[in-house]
Amino acid sequence: MKEKVPISIFKFGFFDKELYDESLKIRKEVFVNEQKVPEDEEVEHEEESTFFLLFYDNIPAATARYRFTDKGVKLERFATLKEFRGKGLAYILLNYVLEDLKGCKKPIYLHSQAYIVSLYEKAGFVKKGDIFYEAGIPHYLMVLENTES
């Protein structure tokens, strides 16, 4: 019988230094080191964001954030360390973030890297418009159904 691994998720702000630093380590590994995103494009809008950090068996494994913009609530910086991919952690984290936003009357949207669009579609997001590039990476605008104004 397969042993169940404990998963915990913490919500925090920029000024919770310990959790923020762990989240930033994951983002830098995934976006800066793996995907070659310039660090100054990756680390922005930090103080205005709400962050999430997922621990897998007490090890920081995945992170995400959202922030309020003039267009609604933008979900951003979903990142899972390579050694923890394929376990469904990104979907667990996405649903946790959406639960946190339950009752929000503003549109909820994100810019999905093209290769991971199906993850967001599974959670109710739909693609809007054509492919575009951020940091040299193909993306789609995606909006959560029933949140468009």
N, C-alpha and C. Protein backbone atom coordinates (compact mmCIF):
# COMPACT_ATOMS: atom_id res chain seq x y z
N MET A 1 0.84 -1.19 0.00
CA MET A 1 0.00 0.00 0.00
C MET A 1 0.88 1.25 0.00
N LYS A 2 0.51 2.19 -0.85
CA LYS A 2 1.30 3.41 -0.97
C LYS A 2 1.05 4.32 0.24
N GLU A 3 2.14 4.81 0.81
CA GLU A 3 2.05 5.68 1.97
C GLU A 3 1.66 7.09 1.54
N LYS A 4 0.73 7.68 2.27
CA LYS A 4 0.28 9.04 1.97
C LYS A 4 1.29 10.05 2.52
N VAL A 5 1.74 10.96 1.66
CA VAL A 5 2.72 11.97 2.05
C VAL A 5 1.98 13.22 2.49
N PRO A 6 2.36 13.79 3.63
CA PRO A 6 1.67 15.00 4.09
C PRO A 6 1.97 16.21 3.21
N ILE A 7 0.90 16.94 2.91
CA ILE A 7 0.99 18.18 2.13
C ILE A 7 0.40 19.29 2.98
N SER A 8 1.11 20.39 3.08
CA SER A 8 0.58 21.55 3.77
C SER A 8 0.85 22.79 2.92
N ILE A 9 -0.06 23.76 3.01
CA ILE A 9 0.05 24.99 2.23
C ILE A 9 -0.09 26.17 3.17
N PHE A 10 0.80 27.14 3.01
CA PHE A 10 0.77 28.34 3.82
C PHE A 10 0.54 29.56 2.94
N LYS A 11 -0.33 30.45 3.41
CA LYS A 11 -0.59 31.73 2.76
C LYS A 11 0.16 32.79 3.57
N PHE A 12 0.81 33.71 2.88
CA PHE A 12 1.61 34.70 3.59
C PHE A 12 1.84 35.93 2.72
N GLY A 13 2.41 36.95 3.33
CA GLY A 13 2.73 38.18 2.63
C GLY A 13 4.23 38.35 2.47
N PHE A 14 4.59 39.35 1.73
CA PHE A 14 5.99 39.66 1.43
C PHE A 14 6.85 39.80 2.68
N PHE A 15 6.27 40.30 3.76
CA PHE A 15 7.07 40.59 4.95
C PHE A 15 7.26 39.38 5.87
N ASP A 16 6.69 38.23 5.50
CA ASP A 16 6.98 36.99 6.23
C ASP A 16 8.26 36.42 5.61
N LYS A 17 9.39 36.91 6.08
CA LYS A 17 10.68 36.68 5.44
C LYS A 17 11.02 35.21 5.23
N GLU A 18 10.78 34.38 6.23
CA GLU A 18 11.17 32.97 6.12
C GLU A 18 10.41 32.26 5.00
N LEU A 19 9.09 32.41 4.97
CA LEU A 19 8.30 31.77 3.92
C LEU A 19 8.57 32.41 2.56
N TYR A 20 8.69 33.73 2.54
CA TYR A 20 8.96 34.42 1.29
C TYR A 20 10.30 33.95 0.69
N ASP A 21 11.32 33.84 1.51
CA ASP A 21 12.63 33.39 1.01
C ASP A 21 12.55 31.99 0.41
N GLU A 22 11.78 31.10 1.04
CA GLU A 22 11.62 29.74 0.50
C GLU A 22 10.89 29.78 -0.84
N SER A 23 9.86 30.61 -0.91
CA SER A 23 9.11 30.76 -2.15
C SER A 23 10.00 31.30 -3.26
N LEU A 24 10.79 32.30 -2.93
CA LEU A 24 11.68 32.92 -3.91
C LEU A 24 12.74 31.93 -4.40
N LYS A 25 13.23 31.06 -3.54
CA LYS A 25 14.21 30.04 -3.95
C LYS A 25 13.61 29.14 -5.04
N ILE A 26 12.36 28.74 -4.84
CA ILE A 26 11.69 27.88 -5.83
C ILE A 26 11.53 28.64 -7.15
N ARG A 27 11.05 29.87 -7.08
CA ARG A 27 10.85 30.66 -8.29
C ARG A 27 12.16 30.87 -9.03
N LYS A 28 13.21 31.18 -8.32
CA LYS A 28 14.50 31.40 -8.98
C LYS A 28 15.00 30.12 -9.64
N GLU A 29 14.82 29.00 -8.99
CA GLU A 29 15.25 27.72 -9.58
C GLU A 29 14.47 27.45 -10.86
N VAL A 30 13.15 27.58 -10.80
CA VAL A 30 12.31 27.23 -11.94
C VAL A 30 12.40 28.28 -13.05
N PHE A 31 12.18 29.54 -12.73
CA PHE A 31 12.10 30.56 -13.77
C PHE A 31 13.47 31.07 -14.22
N VAL A 32 14.34 31.41 -13.28
CA VAL A 32 15.63 32.00 -13.65
C VAL A 32 16.61 30.94 -14.12
N ASN A 33 16.80 29.88 -13.33
CA ASN A 33 17.79 28.86 -13.68
C ASN A 33 17.31 27.93 -14.81
N GLU A 34 16.11 27.38 -14.70
CA GLU A 34 15.62 26.43 -15.71
C GLU A 34 15.16 27.12 -16.98
N GLN A 35 14.33 28.15 -16.83
CA GLN A 35 13.70 28.76 -18.00
C GLN A 35 14.42 30.00 -18.51
N LYS A 36 15.47 30.40 -17.82
CA LYS A 36 16.32 31.53 -18.26
C LYS A 36 15.58 32.86 -18.34
N VAL A 37 14.62 33.05 -17.43
CA VAL A 37 13.93 34.35 -17.33
C VAL A 37 14.87 35.31 -16.60
N PRO A 38 15.07 36.51 -17.13
CA PRO A 38 15.91 37.47 -16.41
C PRO A 38 15.34 37.73 -15.01
N GLU A 39 16.23 37.77 -14.03
CA GLU A 39 15.79 37.90 -12.64
C GLU A 39 14.97 39.17 -12.40
N ASP A 40 15.32 40.26 -13.08
CA ASP A 40 14.57 41.50 -12.86
C ASP A 40 13.16 41.43 -13.43
N GLU A 41 12.89 40.50 -14.34
CA GLU A 41 11.53 40.29 -14.84
C GLU A 41 10.77 39.32 -13.93
N GLU A 42 11.47 38.45 -13.27
CA GLU A 42 10.86 37.45 -12.39
C GLU A 42 10.48 38.05 -11.04
N VAL A 43 11.34 38.87 -10.48
CA VAL A 43 11.12 39.42 -9.14
C VAL A 43 10.59 40.85 -9.27
N GLU A 44 9.26 40.95 -9.28
CA GLU A 44 8.58 42.24 -9.40
C GLU A 44 7.22 42.14 -8.73
N HIS A 45 6.66 43.26 -8.34
CA HIS A 45 5.34 43.33 -7.69
C HIS A 45 5.29 42.51 -6.40
N GLU A 46 6.40 42.39 -5.72
CA GLU A 46 6.47 41.52 -4.54
C GLU A 46 5.63 42.02 -3.37
N GLU A 47 5.75 43.28 -3.03
CA GLU A 47 5.09 43.80 -1.83
C GLU A 47 3.57 43.81 -1.94
N GLU A 48 3.06 43.84 -3.16
CA GLU A 48 1.60 43.90 -3.34
C GLU A 48 0.96 42.53 -3.55
N SER A 49 1.75 41.47 -3.47
CA SER A 49 1.26 40.13 -3.76
C SER A 49 0.93 39.34 -2.48
N THR A 50 0.03 38.38 -2.66
CA THR A 50 -0.28 37.39 -1.62
C THR A 50 0.33 36.08 -2.10
N PHE A 51 1.13 35.45 -1.26
CA PHE A 51 1.91 34.28 -1.64
C PHE A 51 1.38 33.00 -1.01
N PHE A 52 1.74 31.88 -1.65
CA PHE A 52 1.41 30.55 -1.15
C PHE A 52 2.63 29.66 -1.32
N LEU A 53 2.86 28.82 -0.32
CA LEU A 53 3.99 27.88 -0.37
C LEU A 53 3.47 26.51 0.03
N LEU A 54 3.68 25.54 -0.85
CA LEU A 54 3.24 24.18 -0.61
C LEU A 54 4.44 23.35 -0.16
N PHE A 55 4.24 22.65 0.95
CA PHE A 55 5.25 21.74 1.48
C PHE A 55 4.80 20.31 1.19
N TYR A 56 5.71 19.52 0.65
CA TYR A 56 5.47 18.11 0.38
C TYR A 56 6.39 17.32 1.32
N ASP A 57 5.79 16.60 2.24
CA ASP A 57 6.57 15.88 3.25
C ASP A 57 7.51 16.83 3.99
N ASN A 58 6.99 18.00 4.35
CA ASN A 58 7.71 19.05 5.09
C ASN A 58 8.85 19.71 4.31
N ILE A 59 8.87 19.55 2.99
CA ILE A 59 9.89 20.16 2.14
C ILE A 59 9.21 21.17 1.22
N PRO A 60 9.70 22.42 1.15
CA PRO A 60 9.11 23.39 0.23
C PRO A 60 9.23 22.88 -1.21
N ALA A 61 8.08 22.72 -1.89
CA ALA A 61 8.06 22.08 -3.20
C ALA A 61 7.44 22.91 -4.31
N ALA A 62 6.49 23.78 -3.96
CA ALA A 62 5.78 24.56 -4.98
C ALA A 62 5.33 25.88 -4.39
N THR A 63 5.14 26.85 -5.27
CA THR A 63 4.73 28.18 -4.81
C THR A 63 3.84 28.83 -5.86
N ALA A 64 3.13 29.87 -5.44
CA ALA A 64 2.29 30.67 -6.33
C ALA A 64 2.00 31.98 -5.62
N ARG A 65 1.38 32.88 -6.36
CA ARG A 65 0.95 34.14 -5.75
C ARG A 65 -0.20 34.70 -6.57
N TYR A 66 -0.87 35.70 -5.99
CA TYR A 66 -1.80 36.51 -6.76
C TYR A 66 -1.67 37.95 -6.30
N ARG A 67 -2.16 38.83 -7.17
CA ARG A 67 -2.19 40.25 -6.82
C ARG A 67 -3.37 40.89 -7.54
N PHE A 68 -3.86 41.97 -6.94
CA PHE A 68 -4.96 42.71 -7.52
C PHE A 68 -4.39 43.71 -8.53
N THR A 69 -5.00 43.75 -9.71
CA THR A 69 -4.60 44.68 -10.77
C THR A 69 -5.84 45.46 -11.20
N ASP A 70 -5.67 46.37 -12.15
CA ASP A 70 -6.83 47.11 -12.65
C ASP A 70 -7.75 46.23 -13.49
N LYS A 71 -7.32 45.01 -13.84
CA LYS A 71 -8.13 44.09 -14.63
C LYS A 71 -8.80 43.01 -13.78
N GLY A 72 -8.45 42.94 -12.50
CA GLY A 72 -9.01 41.91 -11.64
C GLY A 72 -7.95 41.32 -10.72
N VAL A 73 -8.00 40.02 -10.54
CA VAL A 73 -7.01 39.32 -9.71
C VAL A 73 -6.15 38.47 -10.64
N LYS A 74 -4.86 38.74 -10.63
CA LYS A 74 -3.94 38.01 -11.51
C LYS A 74 -3.20 36.95 -10.71
N LEU A 75 -3.38 35.69 -11.11
CA LEU A 75 -2.63 34.59 -10.53
C LEU A 75 -1.29 34.50 -11.25
N GLU A 76 -0.22 34.31 -10.46
CA GLU A 76 1.12 34.36 -11.05
C GLU A 76 2.08 33.41 -10.36
N ARG A 77 3.22 33.23 -11.00
CA ARG A 77 4.40 32.59 -10.43
C ARG A 77 4.14 31.20 -9.86
N PHE A 78 3.30 30.44 -10.56
CA PHE A 78 3.12 29.03 -10.18
C PHE A 78 4.39 28.29 -10.58
N ALA A 79 5.04 27.68 -9.61
CA ALA A 79 6.29 26.98 -9.87
C ALA A 79 6.41 25.77 -8.94
N THR A 80 6.81 24.65 -9.52
CA THR A 80 7.06 23.42 -8.76
C THR A 80 8.48 22.97 -9.07
N LEU A 81 9.23 22.67 -8.03
CA LEU A 81 10.58 22.16 -8.22
C LEU A 81 10.55 20.87 -9.02
N LYS A 82 11.55 20.69 -9.87
CA LYS A 82 11.61 19.57 -10.80
C LYS A 82 11.38 18.21 -10.12
N GLU A 83 12.00 18.01 -8.97
CA GLU A 83 11.91 16.71 -8.31
C GLU A 83 10.53 16.40 -7.73
N PHE A 84 9.64 17.41 -7.72
CA PHE A 84 8.29 17.21 -7.17
C PHE A 84 7.21 17.25 -8.26
N ARG A 85 7.60 17.38 -9.52
CA ARG A 85 6.62 17.44 -10.61
C ARG A 85 6.02 16.05 -10.86
N GLY A 86 4.83 16.06 -11.43
CA GLY A 86 4.16 14.81 -11.75
C GLY A 86 3.39 14.22 -10.58
N LYS A 87 3.26 14.95 -9.49
CA LYS A 87 2.55 14.46 -8.30
C LYS A 87 1.21 15.17 -8.10
N GLY A 88 0.86 16.06 -9.03
CA GLY A 88 -0.40 16.79 -8.92
C GLY A 88 -0.35 17.99 -7.98
N LEU A 89 0.85 18.39 -7.58
CA LEU A 89 0.98 19.47 -6.60
C LEU A 89 0.52 20.82 -7.15
N ALA A 90 0.80 21.09 -8.41
CA ALA A 90 0.40 22.37 -9.00
C ALA A 90 -1.13 22.50 -9.00
N TYR A 91 -1.82 21.41 -9.29
CA TYR A 91 -3.28 21.44 -9.30
C TYR A 91 -3.84 21.62 -7.89
N ILE A 92 -3.23 20.96 -6.92
CA ILE A 92 -3.63 21.12 -5.52
C ILE A 92 -3.44 22.58 -5.10
N LEU A 93 -2.29 23.14 -5.44
CA LEU A 93 -1.99 24.53 -5.09
C LEU A 93 -2.95 25.50 -5.80
N LEU A 94 -3.21 25.27 -7.07
CA LEU A 94 -4.12 26.12 -7.83
C LEU A 94 -5.51 26.12 -7.17
N ASN A 95 -6.00 24.97 -6.81
CA ASN A 95 -7.32 24.90 -6.17
C ASN A 95 -7.33 25.58 -4.81
N TYR A 96 -6.24 25.49 -4.09
CA TYR A 96 -6.13 26.17 -2.80
C TYR A 96 -6.20 27.69 -2.98
N VAL A 97 -5.48 28.19 -3.98
CA VAL A 97 -5.49 29.63 -4.27
C VAL A 97 -6.90 30.06 -4.69
N LEU A 98 -7.54 29.28 -5.54
CA LEU A 98 -8.90 29.63 -5.97
C LEU A 98 -9.88 29.59 -4.81
N GLU A 99 -9.71 28.67 -3.90
CA GLU A 99 -10.55 28.61 -2.71
C GLU A 99 -10.36 29.87 -1.86
N ASP A 100 -9.12 30.34 -1.79
CA ASP A 100 -8.83 31.56 -1.05
C ASP A 100 -9.56 32.77 -1.66
N LEU A 101 -9.77 32.72 -2.97
CA LEU A 101 -10.42 33.83 -3.68
C LEU A 101 -11.93 33.63 -3.82
N LYS A 102 -12.46 32.58 -3.23
CA LYS A 102 -13.89 32.30 -3.33
C LYS A 102 -14.68 33.50 -2.84
N GLY A 103 -15.68 33.88 -3.63
CA GLY A 103 -16.49 35.04 -3.28
C GLY A 103 -15.97 36.35 -3.86
N CYS A 104 -14.79 36.31 -4.45
CA CYS A 104 -14.22 37.50 -5.08
C CYS A 104 -15.08 37.86 -6.30
N LYS A 105 -15.45 39.10 -6.39
CA LYS A 105 -16.33 39.55 -7.49
C LYS A 105 -15.55 40.05 -8.70
N LYS A 106 -14.24 40.11 -8.59
CA LYS A 106 -13.41 40.60 -9.69
C LYS A 106 -13.04 39.43 -10.62
N PRO A 107 -12.77 39.73 -11.90
CA PRO A 107 -12.30 38.68 -12.80
C PRO A 107 -10.98 38.07 -12.28
N ILE A 108 -10.84 36.78 -12.42
CA ILE A 108 -9.61 36.08 -12.03
C ILE A 108 -8.97 35.59 -13.32
N TYR A 109 -7.72 35.99 -13.52
CA TYR A 109 -7.05 35.68 -14.78
C TYR A 109 -5.58 35.36 -14.53
N LEU A 110 -4.93 34.86 -15.58
CA LEU A 110 -3.50 34.56 -15.50
C LEU A 110 -2.92 34.52 -16.90
N HIS A 111 -1.61 34.53 -16.97
CA HIS A 111 -0.88 34.33 -18.21
C HIS A 111 -0.22 32.95 -18.09
N SER A 112 -0.78 31.98 -18.80
CA SER A 112 -0.27 30.61 -18.71
C SER A 112 0.80 30.35 -19.76
N GLN A 113 1.89 29.73 -19.33
CA GLN A 113 2.85 29.25 -20.33
C GLN A 113 2.10 28.21 -21.18
N ALA A 114 2.36 28.23 -22.48
CA ALA A 114 1.59 27.42 -23.43
C ALA A 114 1.58 25.93 -23.08
N TYR A 115 2.69 25.41 -22.59
CA TYR A 115 2.78 23.97 -22.33
C TYR A 115 1.90 23.49 -21.17
N ILE A 116 1.44 24.40 -20.33
CA ILE A 116 0.71 24.00 -19.12
C ILE A 116 -0.76 24.46 -19.15
N VAL A 117 -1.24 24.92 -20.30
CA VAL A 117 -2.61 25.41 -20.43
C VAL A 117 -3.63 24.41 -19.90
N SER A 118 -3.44 23.13 -20.16
CA SER A 118 -4.42 22.11 -19.76
C SER A 118 -4.63 22.06 -18.24
N LEU A 119 -3.60 22.38 -17.46
CA LEU A 119 -3.75 22.42 -16.00
C LEU A 119 -4.81 23.45 -15.61
N TYR A 120 -4.72 24.62 -16.20
CA TYR A 120 -5.64 25.69 -15.87
C TYR A 120 -7.03 25.44 -16.45
N GLU A 121 -7.10 24.82 -17.64
CA GLU A 121 -8.40 24.47 -18.22
C GLU A 121 -9.13 23.49 -17.31
N LYS A 122 -8.41 22.56 -16.74
CA LYS A 122 -8.99 21.57 -15.82
C LYS A 122 -9.66 22.25 -14.62
N ALA A 123 -9.16 23.43 -14.25
CA ALA A 123 -9.68 24.17 -13.10
C ALA A 123 -10.75 25.19 -13.50
N GLY A 124 -11.10 25.26 -14.80
CA GLY A 124 -12.17 26.16 -15.23
C GLY A 124 -11.73 27.41 -15.96
N PHE A 125 -10.44 27.55 -16.24
CA PHE A 125 -9.97 28.70 -17.00
C PHE A 125 -10.15 28.45 -18.49
N VAL A 126 -10.37 29.53 -19.25
CA VAL A 126 -10.47 29.43 -20.70
C VAL A 126 -9.48 30.40 -21.35
N LYS A 127 -8.92 29.96 -22.48
CA LYS A 127 -7.99 30.80 -23.23
C LYS A 127 -8.74 31.94 -23.89
N LYS A 128 -8.09 33.10 -23.88
CA LYS A 128 -8.64 34.29 -24.54
C LYS A 128 -7.55 34.85 -25.45
N GLY A 129 -7.86 34.97 -26.72
CA GLY A 129 -6.91 35.60 -27.63
C GLY A 129 -5.81 34.67 -28.11
N ASP A 130 -4.85 35.28 -28.76
CA ASP A 130 -3.75 34.55 -29.39
C ASP A 130 -2.57 34.40 -28.44
N ILE A 131 -1.68 33.53 -28.84
CA ILE A 131 -0.44 33.31 -28.09
C ILE A 131 0.38 34.60 -28.09
N PHE A 132 1.07 34.86 -27.00
CA PHE A 132 1.97 36.01 -26.90
C PHE A 132 3.19 35.57 -26.11
N TYR A 133 4.22 36.42 -26.08
CA TYR A 133 5.47 36.05 -25.44
C TYR A 133 5.79 36.96 -24.26
N GLU A 134 6.16 36.35 -23.15
CA GLU A 134 6.69 37.06 -21.99
C GLU A 134 8.02 36.40 -21.67
N ALA A 135 9.05 37.20 -21.52
CA ALA A 135 10.40 36.69 -21.24
C ALA A 135 10.82 35.62 -22.26
N GLY A 136 10.35 35.78 -23.51
CA GLY A 136 10.69 34.85 -24.57
C GLY A 136 9.96 33.52 -24.51
N ILE A 137 8.96 33.40 -23.64
CA ILE A 137 8.23 32.14 -23.44
C ILE A 137 6.80 32.33 -23.94
N PRO A 138 6.27 31.38 -24.76
CA PRO A 138 4.90 31.51 -25.25
C PRO A 138 3.87 31.37 -24.13
N HIS A 139 2.90 32.28 -24.12
CA HIS A 139 1.85 32.33 -23.11
C HIS A 139 0.48 32.53 -23.75
N TYR A 140 -0.56 32.22 -22.98
CA TYR A 140 -1.94 32.56 -23.31
C TYR A 140 -2.56 33.29 -22.14
N LEU A 141 -3.40 34.28 -22.44
CA LEU A 141 -4.25 34.87 -21.42
C LEU A 141 -5.35 33.86 -21.13
N MET A 142 -5.59 33.59 -19.86
CA MET A 142 -6.66 32.68 -19.46
C MET A 142 -7.48 33.35 -18.37
N VAL A 143 -8.81 33.18 -18.47
CA VAL A 143 -9.73 33.79 -17.52
C VAL A 143 -10.58 32.69 -16.91
N LEU A 144 -10.80 32.78 -15.62
CA LEU A 144 -11.64 31.81 -14.95
C LEU A 144 -13.08 32.02 -15.38
N GLU A 145 -13.74 30.98 -15.85
CA GLU A 145 -15.13 31.10 -16.28
C GLU A 145 -15.99 31.64 -15.15
N ASN A 146 -16.99 32.42 -15.51
CA ASN A 146 -17.95 33.01 -14.57
C ASN A 146 -17.34 34.11 -13.69
N THR A 147 -16.18 34.64 -14.07
CA THR A 147 -15.64 35.78 -13.30
C THR A 147 -15.46 37.01 -14.19
N GLU A 148 -15.70 36.86 -15.48
CA GLU A 148 -15.54 38.02 -16.38
C GLU A 148 -16.65 39.02 -16.12
N SER A 149 -16.29 40.29 -16.15
CA SER A 149 -17.33 41.30 -15.95
C SER A 149 -17.88 41.74 -17.28
